[in-house]
Amino acid sequence: MKKVRALGVYLVIGGAIVAAISAILYRNVMYKYQPVYFFLIGTVVLAACMWFLSTVSPMIGGLIPVINSALMASAVVWGTSLMVNQIGYVYAGLDGVDTIMGYIIFVIFAVIGMMLNIFAAFLPVVKVEE
């Protein structure tokens, strides 16, 4: 019997790719908070660990999507904390929407990565082939 990576692993890898793209997109946000980069890069590192751990220890590999989704959610929340005033300025009509477009694009990608990890948390990480 041979253990083979299942769909959950590939969704986590997809989430890691989206997290890397989010880290690049976060450079275009007006006000940046350094730990957001650590959350996003941590997601990529854990996904790489999952690639190797999924066939060795499926139980530990099954926990990584949960941790990754929490890291992606933390990146969105902490990335939003510095942008609250700017969002208020746009809502009040004092600034244009173009001042928060980088932030909006970052949040969209980070939420997509978070959703991929949430979906992966409900899927198996290995399947047994004979």
N, C-alpha and C. Protein backbone atom coordinates (compact mmCIF):
# COMPACT_ATOMS: atom_id res chain seq x y z
N MET A 1 0.84 -1.18 0.00
CA MET A 1 0.00 0.00 0.00
C MET A 1 0.89 1.24 0.00
N LYS A 2 0.51 2.17 -0.83
CA LYS A 2 1.31 3.37 -1.03
C LYS A 2 0.46 4.60 -0.73
N LYS A 3 1.03 5.54 0.03
CA LYS A 3 0.31 6.78 0.34
C LYS A 3 0.62 7.82 -0.73
N VAL A 4 -0.45 8.43 -1.25
CA VAL A 4 -0.33 9.44 -2.31
C VAL A 4 -1.01 10.71 -1.83
N ARG A 5 -0.45 11.84 -2.18
CA ARG A 5 -1.05 13.13 -1.79
C ARG A 5 -2.43 13.28 -2.43
N ALA A 6 -3.35 13.81 -1.65
CA ALA A 6 -4.73 13.99 -2.12
C ALA A 6 -4.99 15.46 -2.43
N LEU A 7 -6.23 15.77 -2.73
CA LEU A 7 -6.63 17.11 -3.17
C LEU A 7 -6.34 18.19 -2.12
N GLY A 8 -6.44 17.84 -0.83
CA GLY A 8 -6.20 18.83 0.22
C GLY A 8 -4.81 19.43 0.16
N VAL A 9 -3.82 18.62 -0.17
CA VAL A 9 -2.45 19.12 -0.27
C VAL A 9 -2.33 20.13 -1.42
N TYR A 10 -2.96 19.81 -2.52
CA TYR A 10 -2.86 20.70 -3.69
C TYR A 10 -3.60 22.01 -3.47
N LEU A 11 -4.68 21.98 -2.71
CA LEU A 11 -5.37 23.23 -2.38
C LEU A 11 -4.51 24.10 -1.45
N VAL A 12 -3.78 23.47 -0.53
CA VAL A 12 -2.89 24.23 0.35
C VAL A 12 -1.75 24.84 -0.46
N ILE A 13 -1.22 24.10 -1.41
CA ILE A 13 -0.17 24.65 -2.28
C ILE A 13 -0.72 25.81 -3.10
N GLY A 14 -1.94 25.68 -3.59
CA GLY A 14 -2.58 26.79 -4.30
C GLY A 14 -2.76 28.00 -3.40
N GLY A 15 -3.15 27.74 -2.15
CA GLY A 15 -3.27 28.83 -1.17
C GLY A 15 -1.94 29.49 -0.89
N ALA A 16 -0.87 28.70 -0.90
CA ALA A 16 0.47 29.26 -0.68
C ALA A 16 0.90 30.14 -1.85
N ILE A 17 0.55 29.74 -3.04
CA ILE A 17 0.87 30.57 -4.21
C ILE A 17 0.11 31.89 -4.13
N VAL A 18 -1.15 31.81 -3.75
CA VAL A 18 -1.94 33.03 -3.59
C VAL A 18 -1.39 33.90 -2.46
N ALA A 19 -0.90 33.27 -1.38
CA ALA A 19 -0.29 34.01 -0.27
C ALA A 19 0.97 34.73 -0.72
N ALA A 20 1.76 34.08 -1.56
CA ALA A 20 2.97 34.73 -2.09
C ALA A 20 2.59 35.92 -2.97
N ILE A 21 1.56 35.76 -3.77
CA ILE A 21 1.07 36.88 -4.60
C ILE A 21 0.55 37.99 -3.70
N SER A 22 -0.14 37.63 -2.61
CA SER A 22 -0.65 38.63 -1.67
C SER A 22 0.49 39.41 -1.03
N ALA A 23 1.59 38.73 -0.72
CA ALA A 23 2.75 39.41 -0.13
C ALA A 23 3.33 40.43 -1.10
N ILE A 24 3.34 40.08 -2.36
CA ILE A 24 3.83 41.02 -3.38
C ILE A 24 2.85 42.19 -3.52
N LEU A 25 1.56 41.88 -3.52
CA LEU A 25 0.54 42.93 -3.67
C LEU A 25 0.49 43.85 -2.45
N TYR A 26 0.88 43.34 -1.28
CA TYR A 26 0.82 44.16 -0.07
C TYR A 26 1.80 45.34 -0.14
N ARG A 27 2.78 45.25 -1.02
CA ARG A 27 3.72 46.37 -1.19
C ARG A 27 3.01 47.61 -1.74
N ASN A 28 1.87 47.44 -2.41
CA ASN A 28 1.14 48.56 -3.00
C ASN A 28 0.14 49.20 -2.05
N VAL A 29 0.02 48.68 -0.83
CA VAL A 29 -0.92 49.23 0.15
C VAL A 29 -0.29 50.49 0.74
N MET A 30 -1.12 51.50 0.99
CA MET A 30 -0.62 52.79 1.45
C MET A 30 0.10 52.70 2.81
N TYR A 31 -0.57 52.11 3.80
CA TYR A 31 0.03 51.98 5.13
C TYR A 31 0.26 50.50 5.40
N LYS A 32 1.51 50.13 5.64
CA LYS A 32 1.88 48.73 5.79
C LYS A 32 2.24 48.41 7.24
N TYR A 33 1.97 47.17 7.64
CA TYR A 33 2.31 46.66 8.96
C TYR A 33 3.19 45.44 8.74
N GLN A 34 4.42 45.50 9.21
CA GLN A 34 5.43 44.47 8.92
C GLN A 34 5.00 43.03 9.24
N PRO A 35 4.32 42.75 10.36
CA PRO A 35 3.94 41.36 10.63
C PRO A 35 3.04 40.72 9.57
N VAL A 36 2.38 41.51 8.76
CA VAL A 36 1.54 40.94 7.69
C VAL A 36 2.41 40.11 6.74
N TYR A 37 3.60 40.60 6.44
CA TYR A 37 4.52 39.83 5.59
C TYR A 37 4.88 38.50 6.24
N PHE A 38 5.09 38.51 7.56
CA PHE A 38 5.44 37.27 8.27
C PHE A 38 4.29 36.27 8.24
N PHE A 39 3.06 36.76 8.36
CA PHE A 39 1.91 35.87 8.27
C PHE A 39 1.84 35.21 6.89
N LEU A 40 2.04 36.00 5.86
CA LEU A 40 1.92 35.49 4.49
C LEU A 40 3.06 34.54 4.15
N ILE A 41 4.27 34.89 4.52
CA ILE A 41 5.42 34.03 4.23
C ILE A 41 5.35 32.77 5.10
N GLY A 42 4.83 32.89 6.32
CA GLY A 42 4.63 31.71 7.16
C GLY A 42 3.69 30.72 6.52
N THR A 43 2.68 31.23 5.82
CA THR A 43 1.75 30.36 5.10
C THR A 43 2.47 29.59 4.01
N VAL A 44 3.36 30.26 3.30
CA VAL A 44 4.11 29.60 2.23
C VAL A 44 5.04 28.53 2.81
N VAL A 45 5.71 28.85 3.91
CA VAL A 45 6.64 27.90 4.53
C VAL A 45 5.89 26.67 5.04
N LEU A 46 4.75 26.88 5.70
CA LEU A 46 3.97 25.74 6.20
C LEU A 46 3.42 24.88 5.06
N ALA A 47 3.08 25.50 3.95
CA ALA A 47 2.61 24.71 2.80
C ALA A 47 3.74 23.84 2.25
N ALA A 48 4.95 24.38 2.24
CA ALA A 48 6.09 23.57 1.80
C ALA A 48 6.33 22.41 2.77
N CYS A 49 6.16 22.67 4.05
CA CYS A 49 6.29 21.60 5.05
C CYS A 49 5.20 20.55 4.85
N MET A 50 4.02 21.00 4.50
CA MET A 50 2.91 20.06 4.30
C MET A 50 3.19 19.12 3.14
N TRP A 51 3.84 19.63 2.11
CA TRP A 51 4.15 18.80 0.95
C TRP A 51 4.95 17.57 1.39
N PHE A 52 5.88 17.78 2.32
CA PHE A 52 6.72 16.67 2.77
C PHE A 52 6.07 15.87 3.90
N LEU A 53 5.30 16.52 4.77
CA LEU A 53 4.71 15.84 5.92
C LEU A 53 3.43 15.07 5.59
N SER A 54 2.80 15.38 4.49
CA SER A 54 1.48 14.78 4.22
C SER A 54 1.56 13.26 4.10
N THR A 55 2.59 12.73 3.48
CA THR A 55 2.68 11.28 3.34
C THR A 55 3.32 10.63 4.56
N VAL A 56 4.13 11.38 5.30
CA VAL A 56 4.80 10.84 6.48
C VAL A 56 3.85 10.82 7.67
N SER A 57 3.21 11.95 7.94
CA SER A 57 2.29 12.07 9.07
C SER A 57 1.04 12.81 8.63
N PRO A 58 0.03 12.07 8.17
CA PRO A 58 -1.19 12.73 7.69
C PRO A 58 -1.91 13.54 8.76
N MET A 59 -1.77 13.16 10.02
CA MET A 59 -2.45 13.91 11.08
C MET A 59 -1.87 15.32 11.21
N ILE A 60 -0.54 15.42 11.22
CA ILE A 60 0.10 16.74 11.30
C ILE A 60 -0.17 17.51 10.00
N GLY A 61 -0.11 16.82 8.87
CA GLY A 61 -0.40 17.47 7.60
C GLY A 61 -1.82 17.99 7.53
N GLY A 62 -2.74 17.32 8.22
CA GLY A 62 -4.13 17.77 8.23
C GLY A 62 -4.36 19.01 9.08
N LEU A 63 -3.44 19.31 9.98
CA LEU A 63 -3.57 20.51 10.81
C LEU A 63 -3.05 21.77 10.12
N ILE A 64 -2.18 21.60 9.16
CA ILE A 64 -1.55 22.75 8.51
C ILE A 64 -2.56 23.64 7.78
N PRO A 65 -3.58 23.12 7.08
CA PRO A 65 -4.55 24.03 6.45
C PRO A 65 -5.29 24.91 7.45
N VAL A 66 -5.54 24.38 8.64
CA VAL A 66 -6.22 25.16 9.67
C VAL A 66 -5.32 26.32 10.12
N ILE A 67 -4.05 26.01 10.34
CA ILE A 67 -3.09 27.04 10.75
C ILE A 67 -2.92 28.07 9.64
N ASN A 68 -2.83 27.59 8.40
CA ASN A 68 -2.66 28.52 7.27
C ASN A 68 -3.86 29.44 7.10
N SER A 69 -5.06 28.92 7.28
CA SER A 69 -6.23 29.78 7.15
C SER A 69 -6.24 30.83 8.26
N ALA A 70 -5.80 30.47 9.46
CA ALA A 70 -5.70 31.45 10.54
C ALA A 70 -4.64 32.50 10.23
N LEU A 71 -3.53 32.08 9.64
CA LEU A 71 -2.48 33.05 9.27
C LEU A 71 -2.97 34.01 8.19
N MET A 72 -3.70 33.49 7.21
CA MET A 72 -4.22 34.36 6.16
C MET A 72 -5.26 35.32 6.71
N ALA A 73 -6.11 34.84 7.60
CA ALA A 73 -7.11 35.73 8.22
C ALA A 73 -6.41 36.80 9.06
N SER A 74 -5.36 36.43 9.76
CA SER A 74 -4.59 37.40 10.55
C SER A 74 -3.95 38.45 9.65
N ALA A 75 -3.46 38.02 8.50
CA ALA A 75 -2.87 38.98 7.57
C ALA A 75 -3.90 40.01 7.13
N VAL A 76 -5.11 39.56 6.85
CA VAL A 76 -6.17 40.49 6.43
C VAL A 76 -6.54 41.43 7.57
N VAL A 77 -6.72 40.89 8.76
CA VAL A 77 -7.14 41.72 9.90
C VAL A 77 -6.07 42.73 10.26
N TRP A 78 -4.84 42.29 10.39
CA TRP A 78 -3.77 43.23 10.77
C TRP A 78 -3.42 44.18 9.63
N GLY A 79 -3.61 43.75 8.39
CA GLY A 79 -3.42 44.66 7.27
C GLY A 79 -4.50 45.73 7.21
N THR A 80 -5.67 45.41 7.73
CA THR A 80 -6.78 46.35 7.75
C THR A 80 -6.64 47.38 8.87
N SER A 81 -5.97 47.00 9.95
CA SER A 81 -5.92 47.86 11.13
C SER A 81 -5.33 49.24 10.83
N LEU A 82 -4.34 49.32 9.96
CA LEU A 82 -3.76 50.62 9.63
C LEU A 82 -4.51 51.36 8.53
N MET A 83 -5.40 50.66 7.84
CA MET A 83 -6.11 51.28 6.72
C MET A 83 -7.49 51.80 7.10
N VAL A 84 -7.88 51.66 8.35
CA VAL A 84 -9.23 52.05 8.76
C VAL A 84 -9.49 53.53 8.51
N ASN A 85 -8.54 54.39 8.88
CA ASN A 85 -8.73 55.83 8.66
C ASN A 85 -8.84 56.16 7.18
N GLN A 86 -8.00 55.52 6.37
CA GLN A 86 -8.03 55.80 4.94
C GLN A 86 -9.34 55.34 4.32
N ILE A 87 -9.85 54.21 4.77
CA ILE A 87 -11.16 53.74 4.28
C ILE A 87 -12.23 54.75 4.67
N GLY A 88 -12.15 55.29 5.88
CA GLY A 88 -13.10 56.31 6.32
C GLY A 88 -13.02 57.57 5.47
N TYR A 89 -11.80 57.97 5.10
CA TYR A 89 -11.64 59.15 4.24
C TYR A 89 -12.30 58.94 2.89
N VAL A 90 -12.14 57.72 2.34
CA VAL A 90 -12.76 57.41 1.05
C VAL A 90 -14.28 57.39 1.20
N TYR A 91 -14.77 56.80 2.28
CA TYR A 91 -16.21 56.74 2.51
C TYR A 91 -16.81 58.14 2.67
N ALA A 92 -16.07 59.04 3.32
CA ALA A 92 -16.55 60.40 3.52
C ALA A 92 -16.39 61.27 2.29
N GLY A 93 -15.71 60.76 1.28
CA GLY A 93 -15.52 61.53 0.06
C GLY A 93 -14.33 62.48 0.11
N LEU A 94 -13.48 62.34 1.10
CA LEU A 94 -12.32 63.22 1.22
C LEU A 94 -11.16 62.77 0.34
N ASP A 95 -11.08 61.48 0.06
CA ASP A 95 -10.07 60.92 -0.84
C ASP A 95 -10.75 60.05 -1.88
N GLY A 96 -10.04 59.80 -2.96
CA GLY A 96 -10.58 58.95 -4.01
C GLY A 96 -10.37 57.48 -3.71
N VAL A 97 -11.12 56.64 -4.40
CA VAL A 97 -11.02 55.20 -4.21
C VAL A 97 -9.65 54.69 -4.63
N ASP A 98 -8.98 55.41 -5.50
CA ASP A 98 -7.67 54.96 -5.95
C ASP A 98 -6.65 54.88 -4.81
N THR A 99 -6.90 55.56 -3.69
CA THR A 99 -5.96 55.50 -2.57
C THR A 99 -6.04 54.17 -1.82
N ILE A 100 -7.14 53.44 -1.98
CA ILE A 100 -7.26 52.15 -1.29
C ILE A 100 -7.37 50.97 -2.26
N MET A 101 -7.16 51.18 -3.54
CA MET A 101 -7.27 50.08 -4.51
C MET A 101 -6.22 49.01 -4.26
N GLY A 102 -5.01 49.38 -3.92
CA GLY A 102 -3.98 48.38 -3.60
C GLY A 102 -4.39 47.52 -2.43
N TYR A 103 -4.99 48.15 -1.43
CA TYR A 103 -5.48 47.42 -0.26
C TYR A 103 -6.61 46.48 -0.64
N ILE A 104 -7.54 46.93 -1.45
CA ILE A 104 -8.68 46.10 -1.85
C ILE A 104 -8.21 44.88 -2.62
N ILE A 105 -7.27 45.06 -3.54
CA ILE A 105 -6.75 43.94 -4.32
C ILE A 105 -6.02 42.96 -3.41
N PHE A 106 -5.23 43.48 -2.46
CA PHE A 106 -4.55 42.61 -1.49
C PHE A 106 -5.54 41.78 -0.69
N VAL A 107 -6.61 42.41 -0.20
CA VAL A 107 -7.60 41.70 0.61
C VAL A 107 -8.31 40.62 -0.21
N ILE A 108 -8.61 40.91 -1.44
CA ILE A 108 -9.28 39.92 -2.30
C ILE A 108 -8.41 38.68 -2.44
N PHE A 109 -7.12 38.87 -2.74
CA PHE A 109 -6.23 37.73 -2.90
C PHE A 109 -6.03 36.99 -1.58
N ALA A 110 -5.88 37.71 -0.48
CA ALA A 110 -5.68 37.06 0.82
C ALA A 110 -6.91 36.25 1.22
N VAL A 111 -8.09 36.76 0.95
CA VAL A 111 -9.31 36.01 1.28
C VAL A 111 -9.45 34.78 0.39
N ILE A 112 -9.07 34.87 -0.86
CA ILE A 112 -9.09 33.69 -1.73
C ILE A 112 -8.14 32.63 -1.19
N GLY A 113 -6.94 33.03 -0.77
CA GLY A 113 -6.00 32.08 -0.18
C GLY A 113 -6.53 31.47 1.10
N MET A 114 -7.19 32.28 1.91
CA MET A 114 -7.77 31.77 3.14
C MET A 114 -8.87 30.75 2.83
N MET A 115 -9.70 31.04 1.85
CA MET A 115 -10.78 30.11 1.49
C MET A 115 -10.22 28.80 0.94
N LEU A 116 -9.16 28.86 0.16
CA LEU A 116 -8.55 27.63 -0.33
C LEU A 116 -8.07 26.76 0.83
N ASN A 117 -7.48 27.40 1.84
CA ASN A 117 -7.02 26.65 3.00
C ASN A 117 -8.19 26.11 3.82
N ILE A 118 -9.26 26.85 3.92
CA ILE A 118 -10.43 26.35 4.64
C ILE A 118 -11.03 25.15 3.92
N PHE A 119 -11.13 25.23 2.60
CA PHE A 119 -11.63 24.07 1.85
C PHE A 119 -10.71 22.87 2.04
N ALA A 120 -9.39 23.10 2.04
CA ALA A 120 -8.42 22.02 2.19
C ALA A 120 -8.51 21.37 3.57
N ALA A 121 -8.93 22.14 4.56
CA ALA A 121 -9.03 21.59 5.91
C ALA A 121 -10.10 20.51 6.01
N PHE A 122 -11.06 20.52 5.11
CA PHE A 122 -12.14 19.54 5.13
C PHE A 122 -11.89 18.37 4.17
N LEU A 123 -10.76 18.37 3.50
CA LEU A 123 -10.45 17.32 2.54
C LEU A 123 -9.30 16.46 3.06
N PRO A 124 -9.20 15.22 2.61
CA PRO A 124 -8.08 14.38 3.04
C PRO A 124 -6.77 14.85 2.42
N VAL A 125 -5.67 14.59 3.14
CA VAL A 125 -4.36 14.99 2.64
C VAL A 125 -3.64 13.83 1.95
N VAL A 126 -4.04 12.60 2.28
CA VAL A 126 -3.46 11.43 1.61
C VAL A 126 -4.56 10.46 1.25
N LYS A 127 -4.26 9.67 0.24
CA LYS A 127 -5.12 8.54 -0.10
C LYS A 127 -4.23 7.33 -0.27
N VAL A 128 -4.75 6.19 0.05
CA VAL A 128 -3.97 4.95 0.00
C VAL A 128 -4.27 4.23 -1.29
N GLU A 129 -3.22 3.93 -2.02
CA GLU A 129 -3.36 3.17 -3.26
C GLU A 129 -2.70 1.81 -3.07
N GLU A 130 -3.27 0.82 -3.69
CA GLU A 130 -2.71 -0.52 -3.56
C GLU A 130 -1.95 -0.88 -4.80
